[in-house]
Amino acid sequence: MEHDLPSIKSWKSLVKRRNNPQEGGKSSSKMKPVMALMCTVLLIFWYKTTNFQYQQTQIEETDYPFEMAKESDEPVSEKLKGLPFGIIQPRSDLELKPLWSSTSLRSKGGESTNRNLLAMPVGLKQKNNVDDVVKKFLPANFTVILFHYDGNMDQWWDLEWSSKAIHIVAHNQTKWWFAKRFLHPDIVSIYDYVFLWDEDLGVENFNPQKYLRIVKSAGLEISQPALHPNSTEVHHRITVRSRTNIFHRRVYDSRGNMKCSNTSEGPPCTGFVEGMAPVFSRSAWFCTWNLIQNDLVHGWGMDMKLGYCAQGDRSKKVGIVDSEYIFHQGIQTLGGSGYPDKKNSARSGVTRRRGSATFDSRTEIRRQSTWELRTFKERWNRAVEEDKNWIDRSSSTRNRVSNNRRFKRSSVISSLWQRQAASAESKK
C-alpha cells in the first residue's frame, strides 16, 4: 500500500492541474503557435491546389477541343534511336492487304500497285452516282476510300466493288473533317495524286488516266476537271469548260464585280480551283493538309488560299482540265438525318422538328459556314502579321515588277532633271 500512495498522489496532482485554469492556460498557450503553423501550412496548400485547378480550367476553356499537341523539340532521330535504322518504314498507304497470298505474290514483297487515291464523302441517297464514279476509277488502279457521313454503310455491300474500297463512318461530318483525320500526308505519301471529290459529280465525260496524263504534261500541282456549262451550280467562271482548250490556267471575264484581265494575278481569275473536285500532287497535298483547320469543317475560304500550296507560281502550277470534264449536280446532302426509313429524314434533308418549331438545318449550316469563313480569314491575317519571316511570293512578284517600273520612271525623271540643270548652268 505504501508503494501505491505516490501513484495515487500523482494522479490527484494531474487532476488538479487539469482543473486549474491557470495551469491549463499555460498549456494551451504553448499549443497555439503549433496550431497556427499547421493552419498556415494547410491554407497555403489549399491555395496552391485551388489556383492550379483554376489555371487548368482556364486553359481548357480557351483551347480548341481538337487543338494539336505541340511537337517535341527532340529530333526525330532521337525518338527512333531505340530501333535499328534498317527496320524503320516511314511510309504507308491505304491499300488493303490479304490475310494470305500465293507464293508469286509473296515474292513481289507486297509492292503497291495503286499509285493514286480517290477519297469521297458519300451518303446512301447518292449511291448510284457514286457507283458510276468508282467504276471509272478502280480500273485505273486507284485506291478508293469512302467517308460515310450518314451512317449507312451496310447498304453498300451489294455493289461488286464495295469490298475493294475502304469505308469510314462518322455521322454528319464533312469532307474536310474526314480528310484532316484520315488522309495524313505520311499515310498517303505513296500516292502520286489525291482526288478529294464530292459525291454529286457526273463523270460521263471523264477518264482518270487521260486526265492524269494532261496534268503531268502541263506540270499542274493542283487541278480540277472543268465543269460542264450546264452544271447546276457554277460559282466561278474559271471552272467552266472551254471547248477549244485541253486545259487553261486563267479566265478573262469583264462581267460582274470580278474583272479578270491580263493583269489579274490572283484567284479566282488565275491560280484557282474550287472545292468540289480538287486534285493534288503529293507535295501539294502535304501543304494543303496542313492548311486545313481542325475545327473549321466546311472549308469556306480555303479555295482562295490553295494557290499557296502549288509548289511554285500558282498562275502556272494550278489549272483546269477542259478535255476531261464533269457535271456538277449541286446536291446539298448534309443536314438531314441520313436514315431514309425514318420520318422527316433524308427525303427532305432540310427540316426536322425540334419541339413545336421547325428547325431548318440548311440555314444553320450556311450560318456556320459563314462564321467559319470569317474565322479563317481572321486566322490567316493574324498568322501573316505574326510570322515576320513569311514572304507572300505571289504578291512579292507583283511588288517587284511595280518597284522596277517605279525605279525606271524615277531614273528617267532624274535624268531629265539633270539635263535641264546642266543646260541652265551652261547658259549662265
Protein backbone atom coordinates (compact mmCIF):
# COMPACT_ATOMS: atom_id res chain seq x y z
CA MET A 1 0.00 0.00 0.00
CA GLU A 2 2.86 2.35 0.74
CA HIS A 3 4.16 1.83 -2.77
CA ASP A 4 0.75 2.71 -4.21
CA LEU A 5 0.45 6.01 -2.37
CA PRO A 6 2.81 8.01 -4.64
CA SER A 7 0.93 6.94 -7.74
CA ILE A 8 -2.38 7.97 -6.20
CA LYS A 9 -0.91 11.35 -5.28
CA SER A 10 0.44 11.81 -8.77
CA TRP A 11 -2.98 11.16 -10.26
CA LYS A 12 -4.52 13.65 -7.87
CA SER A 13 -1.98 16.28 -8.84
CA LEU A 14 -2.72 15.65 -12.52
CA VAL A 15 -6.42 16.12 -11.93
CA LYS A 16 -5.71 19.34 -10.06
CA ARG A 17 -3.63 20.66 -12.92
CA ARG A 18 -6.40 19.94 -15.38
CA ASN A 19 -8.95 21.69 -13.22
CA ASN A 20 -6.63 24.59 -12.53
CA PRO A 21 -7.39 27.29 -15.17
CA GLN A 22 -4.03 28.99 -14.76
CA GLU A 23 -2.01 25.87 -15.43
CA GLY A 24 -4.39 24.92 -18.31
CA GLY A 25 -3.90 28.36 -19.82
CA LYS A 26 -0.17 27.86 -19.80
CA SER A 27 -0.53 24.54 -21.64
CA SER A 28 -2.94 25.94 -24.25
CA SER A 29 -0.73 28.96 -24.80
CA LYS A 30 2.08 26.58 -25.73
CA MET A 31 -0.18 24.82 -28.26
CA LYS A 32 -1.33 27.99 -30.04
CA PRO A 33 1.87 28.53 -32.15
CA VAL A 34 1.82 24.90 -33.31
CA MET A 35 -1.85 25.08 -34.34
CA ALA A 36 -1.28 28.41 -36.08
CA LEU A 37 1.64 26.93 -38.04
CA MET A 38 -0.41 23.91 -39.09
CA CYS A 39 -3.30 26.11 -40.21
CA THR A 40 -0.93 28.29 -42.21
CA VAL A 41 0.56 25.26 -43.99
CA LEU A 42 -2.90 23.88 -44.80
CA LEU A 43 -4.05 27.28 -46.07
CA ILE A 44 -1.03 27.59 -48.38
CA PHE A 45 -1.58 24.04 -49.68
CA TRP A 46 -5.28 24.72 -50.31
CA TYR A 47 -4.48 27.99 -52.11
CA LYS A 48 -1.88 26.43 -54.39
CA THR A 49 -4.16 23.49 -55.24
CA THR A 50 -7.13 25.72 -55.98
CA ASN A 51 -5.02 28.12 -58.04
CA PHE A 52 -3.59 25.24 -60.12
CA GLN A 53 -7.07 23.85 -60.80
CA TYR A 54 -8.29 27.29 -61.84
CA GLN A 55 -5.39 27.76 -64.26
CA GLN A 56 -6.03 24.33 -65.80
CA THR A 57 -9.71 25.17 -66.23
CA GLN A 58 -8.85 28.45 -67.94
CA ILE A 59 -6.52 26.68 -70.34
CA GLU A 60 -9.14 24.07 -71.21
CA GLU A 61 -11.76 26.74 -71.85
CA THR A 62 -9.58 28.80 -74.17
CA ASP A 63 -8.05 25.93 -76.16
CA TYR A 64 -9.89 24.32 -79.07
CA PRO A 65 -11.18 20.85 -78.29
CA PHE A 66 -9.05 19.31 -81.03
CA GLU A 67 -6.00 21.52 -80.62
CA MET A 68 -2.97 19.72 -81.95
CA ALA A 69 -0.35 18.87 -79.36
CA LYS A 70 2.86 20.84 -79.66
CA GLU A 71 5.65 18.96 -81.36
CA SER A 72 8.51 17.94 -79.16
CA ASP A 73 11.78 19.79 -79.72
CA GLU A 74 13.53 16.43 -79.62
CA PRO A 75 14.82 15.44 -83.10
CA VAL A 76 13.12 12.55 -84.84
CA SER A 77 16.37 10.59 -84.85
CA GLU A 78 16.41 10.75 -81.05
CA LYS A 79 12.87 9.42 -80.83
CA LEU A 80 13.80 6.46 -83.03
CA LYS A 81 17.21 5.67 -81.56
CA GLY A 82 15.79 2.59 -79.84
CA LEU A 83 15.25 0.96 -83.26
CA PRO A 84 17.81 -0.37 -85.74
CA PHE A 85 17.71 2.01 -88.70
CA GLY A 86 17.02 -0.64 -91.36
CA ILE A 87 13.72 -1.74 -89.74
CA ILE A 88 12.11 1.71 -89.97
CA GLN A 89 9.28 2.04 -92.52
CA PRO A 90 8.36 5.75 -92.68
CA ARG A 91 5.76 5.44 -95.47
CA SER A 92 2.40 3.72 -95.62
CA ASP A 93 -0.71 3.56 -97.80
CA LEU A 94 -4.41 2.75 -97.72
CA GLU A 95 -4.29 -0.43 -99.78
CA LEU A 96 -5.98 -3.47 -98.34
CA LYS A 97 -3.64 -6.38 -97.53
CA PRO A 98 -4.65 -10.04 -97.94
CA LEU A 99 -4.65 -12.36 -94.94
CA TRP A 100 -2.97 -14.97 -97.13
CA SER A 101 -1.42 -14.95 -100.58
CA SER A 102 0.23 -17.18 -103.13
CA THR A 103 3.97 -17.70 -103.41
CA SER A 104 4.14 -15.48 -106.51
CA LEU A 105 2.52 -12.59 -104.69
CA ARG A 106 4.75 -13.00 -101.66
CA SER A 107 7.85 -12.93 -103.85
CA LYS A 108 6.92 -9.42 -105.02
CA GLY A 109 7.40 -8.14 -101.49
CA GLY A 110 3.94 -6.61 -101.29
CA GLU A 111 4.70 -3.81 -103.73
CA SER A 112 1.88 -1.30 -104.12
CA THR A 113 0.16 -1.22 -107.49
CA ASN A 114 -2.23 1.69 -106.84
CA ARG A 115 -0.39 4.96 -107.25
CA ASN A 116 -3.33 7.34 -106.91
CA LEU A 117 -6.13 7.84 -104.41
CA LEU A 118 -9.82 8.75 -104.72
CA ALA A 119 -11.47 9.92 -101.49
CA MET A 120 -15.15 10.85 -101.37
CA PRO A 121 -17.73 11.70 -98.70
CA VAL A 122 -20.83 9.66 -99.55
CA GLY A 123 -24.42 9.19 -98.49
CA LEU A 124 -26.90 6.49 -99.42
CA LYS A 125 -29.00 8.92 -101.47
CA GLN A 126 -26.13 9.31 -103.95
CA LYS A 127 -25.29 5.60 -104.09
CA ASN A 128 -25.96 5.21 -107.82
CA ASN A 129 -23.90 8.27 -108.70
CA VAL A 130 -21.00 7.14 -106.50
CA ASP A 131 -21.19 3.73 -108.16
CA ASP A 132 -20.65 5.37 -111.56
CA VAL A 133 -17.67 7.37 -110.26
CA VAL A 134 -15.91 4.44 -108.58
CA LYS A 135 -16.36 2.26 -111.66
CA LYS A 136 -14.37 4.86 -113.57
CA PHE A 137 -11.50 4.95 -111.07
CA LEU A 138 -10.95 1.35 -109.93
CA PRO A 139 -9.89 0.07 -113.37
CA ALA A 140 -7.32 2.90 -113.46
CA ASN A 141 -5.54 1.41 -110.40
CA PHE A 142 -6.90 3.84 -107.83
CA THR A 143 -7.27 3.17 -104.14
CA VAL A 144 -10.80 4.21 -103.14
CA ILE A 145 -11.79 5.42 -99.68
CA LEU A 146 -15.40 6.36 -98.90
CA PHE A 147 -16.35 8.58 -95.97
CA HIS A 148 -19.91 7.68 -94.94
CA TYR A 149 -21.40 10.78 -93.35
CA ASP A 150 -24.93 9.36 -92.96
CA GLY A 151 -24.05 6.21 -91.01
CA ASN A 152 -25.48 3.91 -93.72
CA MET A 153 -22.52 1.72 -94.64
CA ASP A 154 -24.08 -1.75 -94.56
CA GLN A 155 -26.30 -0.98 -97.54
CA TRP A 156 -23.27 -0.58 -99.83
CA TRP A 157 -22.10 -4.19 -99.70
CA ASP A 158 -24.27 -5.24 -102.64
CA LEU A 159 -22.01 -3.28 -105.04
CA GLU A 160 -19.44 -5.53 -106.68
CA TRP A 161 -16.51 -3.25 -105.84
CA SER A 162 -17.51 -2.43 -102.26
CA SER A 163 -15.15 -4.93 -100.64
CA LYS A 164 -12.26 -3.37 -102.56
CA ALA A 165 -12.89 0.09 -101.08
CA ILE A 166 -12.11 1.39 -97.61
CA HIS A 167 -15.15 2.53 -95.66
CA ILE A 168 -15.04 5.03 -92.78
CA VAL A 169 -18.18 6.05 -90.90
CA ALA A 170 -18.74 9.24 -88.93
CA HIS A 171 -22.23 10.69 -88.81
CA ASN A 172 -22.81 14.17 -90.32
CA GLN A 173 -19.15 15.05 -90.86
CA THR A 174 -17.80 16.98 -93.84
CA LYS A 175 -15.20 16.10 -96.46
CA TRP A 176 -12.57 18.31 -94.84
CA TRP A 177 -13.20 16.79 -91.39
CA PHE A 178 -12.56 13.33 -92.81
CA ALA A 179 -9.55 14.44 -94.84
CA LYS A 180 -7.84 16.06 -91.88
CA ARG A 181 -8.17 12.93 -89.75
CA PHE A 182 -7.70 10.09 -92.24
CA LEU A 183 -5.55 11.44 -95.09
CA HIS A 184 -2.44 12.42 -93.17
CA PRO A 185 0.47 13.07 -95.59
CA ASP A 186 2.54 10.28 -94.03
CA ILE A 187 -0.25 7.81 -94.81
CA VAL A 188 -0.93 8.91 -98.39
CA SER A 189 2.66 9.79 -99.32
CA ILE A 190 2.89 6.73 -101.57
CA TYR A 191 0.23 8.13 -103.91
CA ASP A 192 1.21 10.46 -106.73
CA TYR A 193 -2.17 12.24 -106.76
CA VAL A 194 -5.03 12.62 -104.33
CA PHE A 195 -8.55 13.19 -105.73
CA LEU A 196 -10.72 14.69 -102.99
CA TRP A 197 -14.13 14.79 -104.67
CA ASP A 198 -17.73 15.41 -103.75
CA GLU A 199 -20.34 12.73 -104.43
CA ASP A 200 -22.61 14.72 -106.77
CA LEU A 201 -20.34 14.75 -109.83
CA GLY A 202 -21.28 13.28 -113.19
CA VAL A 203 -18.33 11.52 -114.86
CA GLU A 204 -19.78 10.52 -118.22
CA ASN A 205 -17.14 12.64 -120.00
CA PHE A 206 -14.25 11.92 -117.66
CA ASN A 207 -11.36 9.46 -117.89
CA PRO A 208 -8.94 9.39 -114.92
CA GLN A 209 -5.97 8.08 -116.91
CA LYS A 210 -6.27 10.68 -119.67
CA TYR A 211 -6.76 13.36 -117.02
CA LEU A 212 -3.53 12.44 -115.23
CA ARG A 213 -1.55 12.43 -118.46
CA ILE A 214 -2.64 16.00 -119.11
CA VAL A 215 -1.91 17.11 -115.54
CA LYS A 216 1.60 15.64 -115.64
CA SER A 217 2.45 17.05 -119.06
CA ALA A 218 1.20 20.53 -118.03
CA GLY A 219 3.04 20.42 -114.70
CA LEU A 220 -0.10 21.13 -112.65
CA GLU A 221 0.35 20.54 -108.92
CA ILE A 222 -3.28 21.46 -108.11
CA SER A 223 -6.04 20.98 -110.66
CA GLN A 224 -9.64 20.06 -111.27
CA PRO A 225 -11.68 18.88 -114.25
CA ALA A 226 -13.67 21.64 -115.90
CA LEU A 227 -17.41 21.89 -115.27
CA HIS A 228 -19.96 21.31 -117.99
CA PRO A 229 -21.52 24.73 -118.80
CA ASN A 230 -24.97 23.35 -117.94
CA SER A 231 -23.94 22.26 -114.45
CA THR A 232 -26.46 23.04 -111.73
CA GLU A 233 -24.00 25.17 -109.77
CA VAL A 234 -21.21 27.23 -111.31
CA HIS A 235 -19.72 29.69 -108.83
CA HIS A 236 -16.66 30.90 -110.76
CA ARG A 237 -16.22 31.36 -114.50
CA ILE A 238 -12.70 29.92 -114.43
CA THR A 239 -14.07 26.44 -113.70
CA VAL A 240 -16.34 26.33 -116.80
CA ARG A 241 -15.15 24.15 -119.65
CA SER A 242 -13.55 25.75 -122.68
CA ARG A 243 -14.23 23.67 -125.78
CA THR A 244 -11.18 24.98 -127.61
CA ASN A 245 -8.60 24.14 -124.93
CA ILE A 246 -7.11 20.98 -123.44
CA PHE A 247 -6.60 22.90 -120.19
CA HIS A 248 -6.46 26.51 -119.04
CA ARG A 249 -4.88 28.40 -116.17
CA ARG A 250 -6.77 31.71 -116.24
CA VAL A 251 -10.04 33.26 -117.33
CA TYR A 252 -10.86 36.57 -118.99
CA ASP A 253 -14.19 37.98 -117.87
CA SER A 254 -15.39 41.58 -117.70
CA ARG A 255 -18.85 40.77 -116.33
CA GLY A 256 -19.92 41.27 -112.74
CA ASN A 257 -17.85 42.66 -109.89
CA MET A 258 -14.87 40.39 -110.51
CA LYS A 259 -12.96 41.74 -113.51
CA CYS A 260 -10.48 39.21 -114.91
CA SER A 261 -7.95 40.50 -117.44
CA ASN A 262 -4.31 40.00 -118.43
CA THR A 263 -3.21 41.91 -115.35
CA SER A 264 -5.19 39.71 -112.93
CA GLU A 265 -2.74 37.65 -110.90
CA GLY A 266 -4.83 36.06 -108.19
CA PRO A 267 -7.86 33.86 -107.60
CA PRO A 268 -10.45 33.37 -108.91
CA CYS A 269 -9.06 34.78 -112.17
CA THR A 270 -5.95 32.57 -112.13
CA GLY A 271 -4.33 30.05 -109.79
CA PHE A 272 -7.71 28.79 -108.61
CA VAL A 273 -9.69 25.56 -108.28
CA GLU A 274 -12.95 25.09 -106.42
CA GLY A 275 -13.53 22.76 -103.50
CA MET A 276 -15.91 20.26 -105.10
CA ALA A 277 -13.36 18.29 -107.20
CA PRO A 278 -9.75 19.26 -106.42
CA VAL A 279 -6.80 17.07 -107.39
CA PHE A 280 -3.49 17.41 -105.53
CA SER A 281 0.00 16.19 -106.23
CA ARG A 282 1.83 14.54 -103.34
CA SER A 283 3.72 17.73 -102.43
CA ALA A 284 0.67 19.95 -102.85
CA TRP A 285 -1.39 17.69 -100.58
CA PHE A 286 1.28 17.81 -97.86
CA CYS A 287 0.89 21.59 -97.82
CA THR A 288 -2.91 21.52 -98.16
CA TRP A 289 -3.35 19.07 -95.28
CA ASN A 290 -1.54 21.49 -93.01
CA LEU A 291 -3.70 24.34 -94.29
CA ILE A 292 -6.93 22.52 -93.34
CA GLN A 293 -8.11 23.72 -89.92
CA ASN A 294 -9.04 21.14 -87.29
CA ASP A 295 -12.24 22.84 -86.21
CA LEU A 296 -13.37 24.65 -89.38
CA VAL A 297 -15.02 21.77 -91.18
CA HIS A 298 -16.85 23.42 -94.11
CA GLY A 299 -13.66 24.67 -95.79
CA TRP A 300 -15.08 28.04 -96.85
CA GLY A 301 -12.34 30.45 -97.92
CA MET A 302 -9.69 27.78 -98.26
CA ASP A 303 -10.04 27.57 -102.05
CA MET A 304 -8.73 31.14 -102.29
CA LYS A 305 -5.55 30.09 -100.45
CA LEU A 306 -4.84 26.75 -102.16
CA GLY A 307 -2.56 28.52 -104.63
CA TYR A 308 -0.01 28.98 -101.85
CA CYS A 309 0.37 25.17 -101.85
CA ALA A 310 1.07 24.96 -105.59
CA GLN A 311 4.84 24.43 -105.04
CA GLY A 312 5.69 27.45 -107.16
CA ASP A 313 3.97 30.09 -109.25
CA ARG A 314 0.25 29.42 -108.80
CA SER A 315 -0.56 31.05 -112.14
CA LYS A 316 1.40 28.19 -113.77
CA LYS A 317 1.03 25.31 -111.30
CA VAL A 318 -2.77 25.48 -110.86
CA GLY A 319 -5.15 24.78 -113.72
CA ILE A 320 -8.47 23.49 -115.07
CA VAL A 321 -8.54 20.49 -117.44
CA ASP A 322 -11.08 21.07 -120.24
CA SER A 323 -10.84 17.89 -122.30
CA GLU A 324 -11.81 15.72 -119.31
CA TYR A 325 -14.78 17.43 -117.71
CA ILE A 326 -17.53 16.68 -115.17
CA PHE A 327 -21.09 17.71 -114.45
CA HIS A 328 -21.70 19.30 -111.05
CA GLN A 329 -25.20 18.42 -109.83
CA GLY A 330 -25.05 20.76 -106.84
CA ILE A 331 -26.99 18.46 -104.49
CA GLN A 332 -26.99 19.55 -100.83
CA THR A 333 -26.97 16.46 -98.64
CA LEU A 334 -25.51 17.33 -95.24
CA GLY A 335 -28.01 18.26 -92.56
CA GLY A 336 -30.62 15.51 -92.91
CA SER A 337 -30.86 12.55 -90.59
CA GLY A 338 -29.39 10.29 -93.23
CA TYR A 339 -31.79 7.45 -92.48
CA PRO A 340 -34.39 7.10 -95.26
CA ASP A 341 -36.55 4.70 -93.28
CA LYS A 342 -37.38 7.32 -90.67
CA LYS A 343 -39.88 10.12 -90.86
CA ASN A 344 -38.61 13.60 -91.74
CA SER A 345 -35.31 12.07 -92.81
CA ALA A 346 -33.20 12.22 -95.93
CA ARG A 347 -36.27 12.66 -98.11
CA SER A 348 -36.11 16.36 -97.49
CA GLY A 349 -32.67 16.59 -95.96
CA VAL A 350 -33.61 20.08 -94.85
CA THR A 351 -36.02 20.27 -91.96
CA ARG A 352 -36.85 18.36 -88.83
CA ARG A 353 -38.88 19.06 -85.73
CA ARG A 354 -37.36 20.38 -82.58
CA GLY A 355 -40.27 20.77 -80.18
CA SER A 356 -43.03 22.72 -81.85
CA ALA A 357 -40.76 24.82 -84.06
CA THR A 358 -39.33 23.77 -87.41
CA PHE A 359 -35.55 23.59 -87.46
CA ASP A 360 -34.01 24.47 -90.85
CA SER A 361 -30.69 22.64 -90.87
CA ARG A 362 -29.53 24.06 -94.22
CA THR A 363 -29.92 27.61 -92.90
CA GLU A 364 -27.93 26.71 -89.80
CA ILE A 365 -25.23 25.08 -91.92
CA ARG A 366 -24.93 28.24 -94.02
CA ARG A 367 -24.64 30.35 -90.86
CA GLN A 368 -21.94 28.04 -89.55
CA SER A 369 -20.12 28.19 -92.90
CA THR A 370 -20.25 31.99 -92.93
CA TRP A 371 -18.86 32.14 -89.42
CA GLU A 372 -16.08 29.72 -90.38
CA LEU A 373 -15.21 31.83 -93.41
CA ARG A 374 -14.82 34.92 -91.24
CA THR A 375 -12.79 32.99 -88.67
CA PHE A 376 -10.48 31.53 -91.34
CA LYS A 377 -9.79 34.97 -92.80
CA GLU A 378 -9.02 36.35 -89.35
CA ARG A 379 -6.63 33.49 -88.63
CA TRP A 380 -4.86 33.92 -91.95
CA ASN A 381 -4.40 37.66 -91.45
CA ARG A 382 -3.18 37.13 -87.89
CA ALA A 383 -0.75 34.43 -88.97
CA VAL A 384 0.66 36.64 -91.74
CA GLU A 385 1.09 39.51 -89.29
CA GLU A 386 2.79 37.38 -86.64
CA ASP A 387 5.14 35.48 -88.95
CA LYS A 388 7.78 38.07 -89.77
CA ASN A 389 9.76 35.59 -91.89
CA TRP A 390 6.87 34.67 -94.19
CA ILE A 391 7.01 36.08 -97.70
CA ASP A 392 3.97 36.28 -99.95
CA ARG A 393 5.63 35.10 -103.15
CA SER A 394 2.65 35.91 -105.32
CA SER A 395 2.43 39.49 -104.11
CA SER A 396 6.20 39.94 -103.90
CA THR A 397 6.43 39.23 -107.63
CA ARG A 398 3.90 41.96 -108.35
CA ASN A 399 5.63 44.30 -105.95
CA ARG A 400 9.00 43.59 -107.54
CA VAL A 401 7.63 44.38 -111.01
CA SER A 402 5.95 47.56 -109.82
CA ASN A 403 9.07 48.60 -107.93
CA ASN A 404 11.17 48.10 -111.07
CA ARG A 405 8.71 50.21 -113.04
CA ARG A 406 8.79 52.93 -110.39
CA PHE A 407 12.59 52.78 -110.38
CA LYS A 408 12.74 53.18 -114.17
CA ARG A 409 10.32 56.13 -114.06
CA SER A 410 12.30 57.81 -111.31
CA SER A 411 15.54 57.22 -113.23
CA VAL A 412 14.09 58.82 -116.37
CA ILE A 413 12.78 61.79 -114.36
CA SER A 414 16.12 62.16 -112.60
CA SER A 415 17.99 62.05 -115.90
CA LEU A 416 15.72 64.72 -117.42
CA TRP A 417 16.16 66.92 -114.35
CA GLN A 418 19.96 66.60 -114.54
CA ARG A 419 19.92 67.54 -118.22
CA GLN A 420 17.80 70.60 -117.57
CA ALA A 421 20.06 71.62 -114.69
CA ALA A 422 23.19 71.19 -116.85
CA SER A 423 21.62 73.23 -119.69
CA ALA A 424 20.70 76.03 -117.34
CA GLU A 425 24.20 76.04 -115.88
CA SER A 426 25.82 76.28 -119.33
CA LYS A 427 23.65 79.28 -120.25
CA LYS A 428 24.95 81.13 -117.23
